[in-house]
Amino acid sequence: MSWQASNKACKTLWTTLFKLHQLQSNFDDSGDKKMSDLTFYNPLESAENIKQNATIIANQLDNAFHGHSAEYESNVDRTKAMASMIEILVDDSKQVKDLANIVDELYSFHGEV
């Protein structure tokens, strides 16, 4: 999957991260942003604190996705979704588009973005 506005996972992720003040960039520029560019990610924090902050963001994303009529894919539950998102969020070499890829695998988005 590529980073594109027509993909509901990408658009919903970007919208949610923007509303959570994790991103300040426009949609087109956001896909290449690294996790360490998100405001929750503080490289001066311990790995444990970064993981705690990532867990909070993953929880907010999960809640927001369900608020946008998303459902878990058939082989996914909340535990798997959270763990998969946290794994990306704590990896400072991963990009927002990598997070969008995993979100697209975890959730089925319905309706308008």
Protein backbone atom coordinates (compact mmCIF):
# COMPACT_ATOMS: atom_id res chain seq x y z
CA MET A 1 0.00 0.00 0.00
CA SER A 2 1.25 3.47 -0.74
CA TRP A 3 0.54 6.69 1.12
CA GLN A 4 -2.47 8.15 -0.67
CA ALA A 5 -5.44 10.28 0.31
CA SER A 6 -7.86 7.90 -1.39
CA ASN A 7 -6.93 5.14 1.09
CA LYS A 8 -9.21 5.36 4.14
CA ALA A 9 -6.56 3.94 6.49
CA CYS A 10 -4.07 6.61 5.42
CA LYS A 11 -6.56 9.46 5.56
CA THR A 12 -8.06 8.42 8.89
CA LEU A 13 -4.61 7.91 10.43
CA TRP A 14 -3.40 11.30 9.22
CA THR A 15 -6.59 13.06 10.36
CA THR A 16 -6.37 11.46 13.79
CA LEU A 17 -2.66 12.18 14.27
CA PHE A 18 -3.25 15.76 13.15
CA LYS A 19 -6.16 16.21 15.58
CA LEU A 20 -4.05 14.70 18.36
CA HIS A 21 -1.37 17.31 17.57
CA GLN A 22 1.13 14.57 16.72
CA LEU A 23 1.63 15.96 13.22
CA GLN A 24 1.61 19.51 11.95
CA SER A 25 2.38 18.70 8.31
CA ASN A 26 -0.01 18.42 5.39
CA PHE A 27 -1.17 15.01 4.21
CA ASP A 28 1.29 14.68 1.32
CA ASP A 29 4.32 15.43 3.49
CA SER A 30 3.22 13.32 6.46
CA GLY A 31 3.73 9.84 5.03
CA ASP A 32 7.52 10.21 5.12
CA LYS A 33 7.63 11.55 8.67
CA LYS A 34 9.38 9.24 11.10
CA MET A 35 7.89 8.14 14.39
CA SER A 36 10.53 10.26 16.07
CA ASP A 37 8.97 13.30 14.32
CA LEU A 38 5.67 12.77 16.16
CA THR A 39 5.29 14.97 19.22
CA PHE A 40 4.85 12.07 21.67
CA TYR A 41 8.30 10.74 20.79
CA ASN A 42 10.98 12.29 22.96
CA PRO A 43 14.44 10.80 22.24
CA LEU A 44 15.64 11.99 25.65
CA GLU A 45 13.10 9.72 27.37
CA SER A 46 13.84 6.15 28.34
CA ALA A 47 12.66 3.34 26.07
CA GLU A 48 10.08 2.47 28.74
CA ASN A 49 8.63 6.00 28.73
CA ILE A 50 8.54 6.09 24.93
CA LYS A 51 6.64 2.80 24.99
CA GLN A 52 4.18 4.17 27.57
CA ASN A 53 3.58 7.24 25.39
CA ALA A 54 3.22 5.03 22.30
CA THR A 55 0.64 2.94 24.17
CA ILE A 56 -1.39 6.06 24.90
CA ILE A 57 -1.26 7.09 21.22
CA ALA A 58 -2.17 3.56 20.06
CA ASN A 59 -5.16 3.59 22.41
CA GLN A 60 -6.29 6.96 21.09
CA LEU A 61 -5.87 5.75 17.50
CA ASP A 62 -7.85 2.58 18.17
CA ASN A 63 -10.68 4.56 19.76
CA ALA A 64 -10.69 7.09 16.92
CA PHE A 65 -10.74 4.39 14.24
CA HIS A 66 -13.79 2.79 15.84
CA GLY A 67 -15.35 6.25 15.98
CA HIS A 68 -14.83 6.42 12.21
CA SER A 69 -16.76 3.15 11.71
CA ALA A 70 -13.67 0.95 11.47
CA GLU A 71 -13.80 -2.66 12.57
CA TYR A 72 -11.02 -5.12 13.29
CA GLU A 73 -10.20 -7.49 10.46
CA SER A 74 -11.38 -11.06 11.09
CA ASN A 75 -8.07 -12.27 12.55
CA VAL A 76 -7.50 -9.19 14.71
CA ASP A 77 -8.57 -8.19 18.21
CA ARG A 78 -7.74 -5.16 20.34
CA THR A 79 -4.68 -6.82 21.88
CA LYS A 80 -3.17 -7.61 18.49
CA ALA A 81 -4.03 -4.19 17.07
CA MET A 82 -2.50 -2.35 20.01
CA ALA A 83 0.68 -4.46 20.03
CA SER A 84 1.16 -4.04 16.28
CA MET A 85 0.74 -0.26 16.40
CA ILE A 86 2.99 0.10 19.45
CA GLU A 87 5.72 -1.91 17.72
CA ILE A 88 5.76 0.66 14.89
CA LEU A 89 5.30 3.72 17.12
CA VAL A 90 8.37 2.96 19.27
CA ASP A 91 10.65 2.37 16.26
CA ASP A 92 12.17 5.74 15.40
CA SER A 93 13.24 4.46 11.96
CA LYS A 94 9.63 3.70 10.92
CA GLN A 95 7.57 6.25 9.02
CA VAL A 96 3.93 7.29 9.25
CA LYS A 97 3.30 5.37 6.03
CA ASP A 98 4.59 2.22 7.79
CA LEU A 99 2.06 2.82 10.54
CA ALA A 100 -0.62 3.30 7.87
CA ASN A 101 0.32 -0.03 6.31
CA ILE A 102 -0.19 -1.88 9.57
CA VAL A 103 -3.40 0.04 10.30
CA ASP A 104 -4.69 -1.00 6.88
CA GLU A 105 -3.94 -4.64 7.75
CA LEU A 106 -5.59 -4.44 11.18
CA TYR A 107 -8.77 -2.47 10.44
CA SER A 108 -11.51 -2.41 7.86
CA PHE A 109 -12.71 1.15 7.33
CA HIS A 110 -16.29 1.87 6.30
CA GLY A 111 -18.07 5.08 5.43
CA GLU A 112 -16.62 8.52 4.92
CA VAL A 113 -13.31 9.71 6.32
